[in-house]
Amino acid sequence: MSLSNQLGRDGEDLAVQYLLKNGYQILERNYRYRKAEIDIIALKKEILAVVEVKSRTSSYFGAPESFVSPKKIKLLVMATDHYVTSNNLSVTVRFDIISILKDKKVSNIQHIEDAFYFF
């Protein structure tokens, strides 16, 4: 596994731990639909949080959350719509980003709720 793949996997593991600690139930990890992949689908009360995890070792090229492209957002919305419809869910959907800056000693986790809107 490449270093960037390992960083991404470690970041997702940290994000899951963070969400569990903050009262979320993890429903799916790496949910795929067509060309889309949702890193984490989590539930807290009546809110379905669709979470994109972005991990970086440096903010030199910008904050991790700034790397979510409009194309990625479109794919996330499509996959989320499929997930909610196929599971017949009655929930409020929220799109979040968990941004992780990780150096050798410490990980800085930032949870951005309602990171983007889709309507």
C-alpha atoms as a PDB file:
ATOM      1  CA  MET A   1       0.000   0.000   0.000  1.00  0.00           C
ATOM      2  CA  SER A   2       1.359   3.426  -0.939  1.00  0.00           C
ATOM      3  CA  LEU A   3       2.035   6.071   1.683  1.00  0.00           C
ATOM      4  CA  SER A   4      -0.849   8.233   0.462  1.00  0.00           C
ATOM      5  CA  ASN A   5      -3.237   5.251   0.556  1.00  0.00           C
ATOM      6  CA  GLN A   6      -2.057   4.466   4.088  1.00  0.00           C
ATOM      7  CA  LEU A   7      -2.525   8.106   5.126  1.00  0.00           C
ATOM      8  CA  GLY A   8      -6.071   8.008   3.731  1.00  0.00           C
ATOM      9  CA  ARG A   9      -6.891   4.732   5.502  1.00  0.00           C
ATOM     10  CA  ASP A  10      -5.429   6.013   8.796  1.00  0.00           C
ATOM     11  CA  GLY A  11      -7.383   9.253   8.370  1.00  0.00           C
ATOM     12  CA  GLU A  12     -10.645   7.380   7.864  1.00  0.00           C
ATOM     13  CA  ASP A  13      -9.938   5.269  10.967  1.00  0.00           C
ATOM     14  CA  LEU A  14      -9.332   8.456  12.998  1.00  0.00           C
ATOM     15  CA  ALA A  15     -12.531   9.986  11.605  1.00  0.00           C
ATOM     16  CA  VAL A  16     -14.565   6.900  12.585  1.00  0.00           C
ATOM     17  CA  GLN A  17     -13.135   7.017  16.116  1.00  0.00           C
ATOM     18  CA  TYR A  18     -13.925  10.734  16.327  1.00  0.00           C
ATOM     19  CA  LEU A  19     -17.524  10.224  15.141  1.00  0.00           C
ATOM     20  CA  LEU A  20     -18.147   7.301  17.507  1.00  0.00           C
ATOM     21  CA  LYS A  21     -16.788   9.351  20.416  1.00  0.00           C
ATOM     22  CA  ASN A  22     -19.207  12.145  19.469  1.00  0.00           C
ATOM     23  CA  GLY A  23     -22.356  10.020  19.460  1.00  0.00           C
ATOM     24  CA  TYR A  24     -22.589   8.936  15.832  1.00  0.00           C
ATOM     25  CA  GLN A  25     -23.472   5.443  14.677  1.00  0.00           C
ATOM     26  CA  ILE A  26     -21.409   4.305  11.686  1.00  0.00           C
ATOM     27  CA  LEU A  27     -23.700   2.804   9.030  1.00  0.00           C
ATOM     28  CA  GLU A  28     -21.248   2.413   6.144  1.00  0.00           C
ATOM     29  CA  ARG A  29     -17.593   2.858   5.267  1.00  0.00           C
ATOM     30  CA  ASN A  30     -16.427   3.226   1.674  1.00  0.00           C
ATOM     31  CA  TYR A  31     -19.967   2.970   0.276  1.00  0.00           C
ATOM     32  CA  ARG A  32     -19.802   2.683  -3.510  1.00  0.00           C
ATOM     33  CA  TYR A  33     -22.412   3.496  -6.102  1.00  0.00           C
ATOM     34  CA  ARG A  34     -21.414   3.675  -9.771  1.00  0.00           C
ATOM     35  CA  LYS A  35     -18.324   5.925  -9.906  1.00  0.00           C
ATOM     36  CA  ALA A  36     -18.938   7.456  -6.482  1.00  0.00           C
ATOM     37  CA  GLU A  37     -17.534   6.490  -3.111  1.00  0.00           C
ATOM     38  CA  ILE A  38     -18.660   7.867   0.228  1.00  0.00           C
ATOM     39  CA  ASP A  39     -15.984   7.555   2.911  1.00  0.00           C
ATOM     40  CA  ILE A  40     -18.367   7.348   5.881  1.00  0.00           C
ATOM     41  CA  ILE A  41     -22.136   7.344   6.317  1.00  0.00           C
ATOM     42  CA  ALA A  42     -23.064   7.990   9.932  1.00  0.00           C
ATOM     43  CA  LEU A  43     -26.280   8.572  11.839  1.00  0.00           C
ATOM     44  CA  LYS A  44     -26.875  10.823  14.843  1.00  0.00           C
ATOM     45  CA  LYS A  45     -30.490  11.214  15.928  1.00  0.00           C
ATOM     46  CA  GLU A  46     -32.378  11.990  12.697  1.00  0.00           C
ATOM     47  CA  ILE A  47     -29.350  13.293  10.807  1.00  0.00           C
ATOM     48  CA  LEU A  48     -27.588  11.214   8.207  1.00  0.00           C
ATOM     49  CA  ALA A  49     -24.051  12.585   7.978  1.00  0.00           C
ATOM     50  CA  VAL A  50     -22.333  11.880   4.689  1.00  0.00           C
ATOM     51  CA  VAL A  51     -18.676  12.367   5.546  1.00  0.00           C
ATOM     52  CA  GLU A  52     -15.804  12.990   3.180  1.00  0.00           C
ATOM     53  CA  VAL A  53     -12.454  12.511   4.923  1.00  0.00           C
ATOM     54  CA  LYS A  54      -9.449  14.501   3.716  1.00  0.00           C
ATOM     55  CA  SER A  55      -6.049  13.769   5.233  1.00  0.00           C
ATOM     56  CA  ARG A  56      -2.802  15.594   4.562  1.00  0.00           C
ATOM     57  CA  THR A  57       0.620  15.738   6.187  1.00  0.00           C
ATOM     58  CA  SER A  58       0.961  19.456   5.458  1.00  0.00           C
ATOM     59  CA  SER A  59      -1.265  22.437   4.708  1.00  0.00           C
ATOM     60  CA  TYR A  60       1.408  23.821   2.361  1.00  0.00           C
ATOM     61  CA  PHE A  61      -0.827  23.406  -0.711  1.00  0.00           C
ATOM     62  CA  GLY A  62      -4.003  24.358   1.169  1.00  0.00           C
ATOM     63  CA  ALA A  63      -6.260  23.025   3.889  1.00  0.00           C
ATOM     64  CA  PRO A  64      -7.274  19.379   3.413  1.00  0.00           C
ATOM     65  CA  GLU A  65     -10.948  20.305   3.068  1.00  0.00           C
ATOM     66  CA  SER A  66     -10.179  22.547   0.080  1.00  0.00           C
ATOM     67  CA  PHE A  67      -9.475  19.421  -2.014  1.00  0.00           C
ATOM     68  CA  VAL A  68     -13.153  18.427  -2.357  1.00  0.00           C
ATOM     69  CA  SER A  69     -13.953  19.260  -5.986  1.00  0.00           C
ATOM     70  CA  PRO A  70     -17.352  20.180  -7.479  1.00  0.00           C
ATOM     71  CA  LYS A  71     -17.220  16.868  -9.402  1.00  0.00           C
ATOM     72  CA  LYS A  72     -16.696  14.965  -6.128  1.00  0.00           C
ATOM     73  CA  ILE A  73     -19.629  16.807  -4.557  1.00  0.00           C
ATOM     74  CA  LYS A  74     -21.851  15.832  -7.499  1.00  0.00           C
ATOM     75  CA  LEU A  75     -20.820  12.165  -7.130  1.00  0.00           C
ATOM     76  CA  LEU A  76     -21.440  12.268  -3.361  1.00  0.00           C
ATOM     77  CA  VAL A  77     -24.932  13.685  -3.894  1.00  0.00           C
ATOM     78  CA  MET A  78     -25.750  10.986  -6.471  1.00  0.00           C
ATOM     79  CA  ALA A  79     -24.503   8.158  -4.206  1.00  0.00           C
ATOM     80  CA  THR A  80     -26.277   9.622  -1.171  1.00  0.00           C
ATOM     81  CA  ASP A  81     -29.563   9.881  -3.069  1.00  0.00           C
ATOM     82  CA  HIS A  82     -29.218   6.218  -4.067  1.00  0.00           C
ATOM     83  CA  TYR A  83     -28.374   5.167  -0.495  1.00  0.00           C
ATOM     84  CA  VAL A  84     -31.294   7.043   1.086  1.00  0.00           C
ATOM     85  CA  THR A  85     -33.777   5.858  -1.556  1.00  0.00           C
ATOM     86  CA  SER A  86     -32.676   2.214  -1.614  1.00  0.00           C
ATOM     87  CA  ASN A  87     -32.751   2.030   2.197  1.00  0.00           C
ATOM     88  CA  ASN A  88     -36.084   3.892   2.366  1.00  0.00           C
ATOM     89  CA  LEU A  89     -34.712   6.311   4.968  1.00  0.00           C
ATOM     90  CA  SER A  90     -36.569   9.279   6.381  1.00  0.00           C
ATOM     91  CA  VAL A  91     -33.704  11.440   7.594  1.00  0.00           C
ATOM     92  CA  THR A  92     -32.191  14.868   7.186  1.00  0.00           C
ATOM     93  CA  VAL A  93     -29.049  14.570   5.075  1.00  0.00           C
ATOM     94  CA  ARG A  94     -26.004  16.638   5.924  1.00  0.00           C
ATOM     95  CA  PHE A  95     -22.713  16.702   4.030  1.00  0.00           C
ATOM     96  CA  ASP A  96     -19.677  16.986   6.298  1.00  0.00           C
ATOM     97  CA  ILE A  97     -15.934  17.024   5.818  1.00  0.00           C
ATOM     98  CA  ILE A  98     -13.513  15.720   8.383  1.00  0.00           C
ATOM     99  CA  SER A  99     -10.186  17.380   7.749  1.00  0.00           C
ATOM    100  CA  ILE A 100      -7.096  15.752   9.238  1.00  0.00           C
ATOM    101  CA  LEU A 101      -3.633  17.277   9.348  1.00  0.00           C
ATOM    102  CA  LYS A 102      -1.286  14.581  10.516  1.00  0.00           C
ATOM    103  CA  ASP A 103       2.386  14.952  11.255  1.00  0.00           C
ATOM    104  CA  LYS A 104       4.700  12.466  12.948  1.00  0.00           C
ATOM    105  CA  LYS A 105       3.446  13.151  16.476  1.00  0.00           C
ATOM    106  CA  VAL A 106      -0.071  14.566  16.395  1.00  0.00           C
ATOM    107  CA  SER A 107      -3.253  14.579  14.341  1.00  0.00           C
ATOM    108  CA  ASN A 108      -5.377  17.702  14.139  1.00  0.00           C
ATOM    109  CA  ILE A 109      -8.995  16.758  13.393  1.00  0.00           C
ATOM    110  CA  GLN A 110     -11.532  19.329  12.257  1.00  0.00           C
ATOM    111  CA  HIS A 111     -15.175  18.370  11.710  1.00  0.00           C
ATOM    112  CA  ILE A 112     -16.892  20.727   9.287  1.00  0.00           C
ATOM    113  CA  GLU A 113     -20.662  20.218   9.409  1.00  0.00           C
ATOM    114  CA  ASP A 114     -22.769  21.324   6.434  1.00  0.00           C
ATOM    115  CA  ALA A 115     -19.573  21.679   4.412  1.00  0.00           C
ATOM    116  CA  PHE A 116     -21.558  22.178   1.224  1.00  0.00           C
ATOM    117  CA  TYR A 117     -25.155  22.357   0.089  1.00  0.00           C
ATOM    118  CA  PHE A 118     -26.668  20.421  -2.754  1.00  0.00           C
ATOM    119  CA  PHE A 119     -30.001  22.134  -3.434  1.00  0.00           C
END
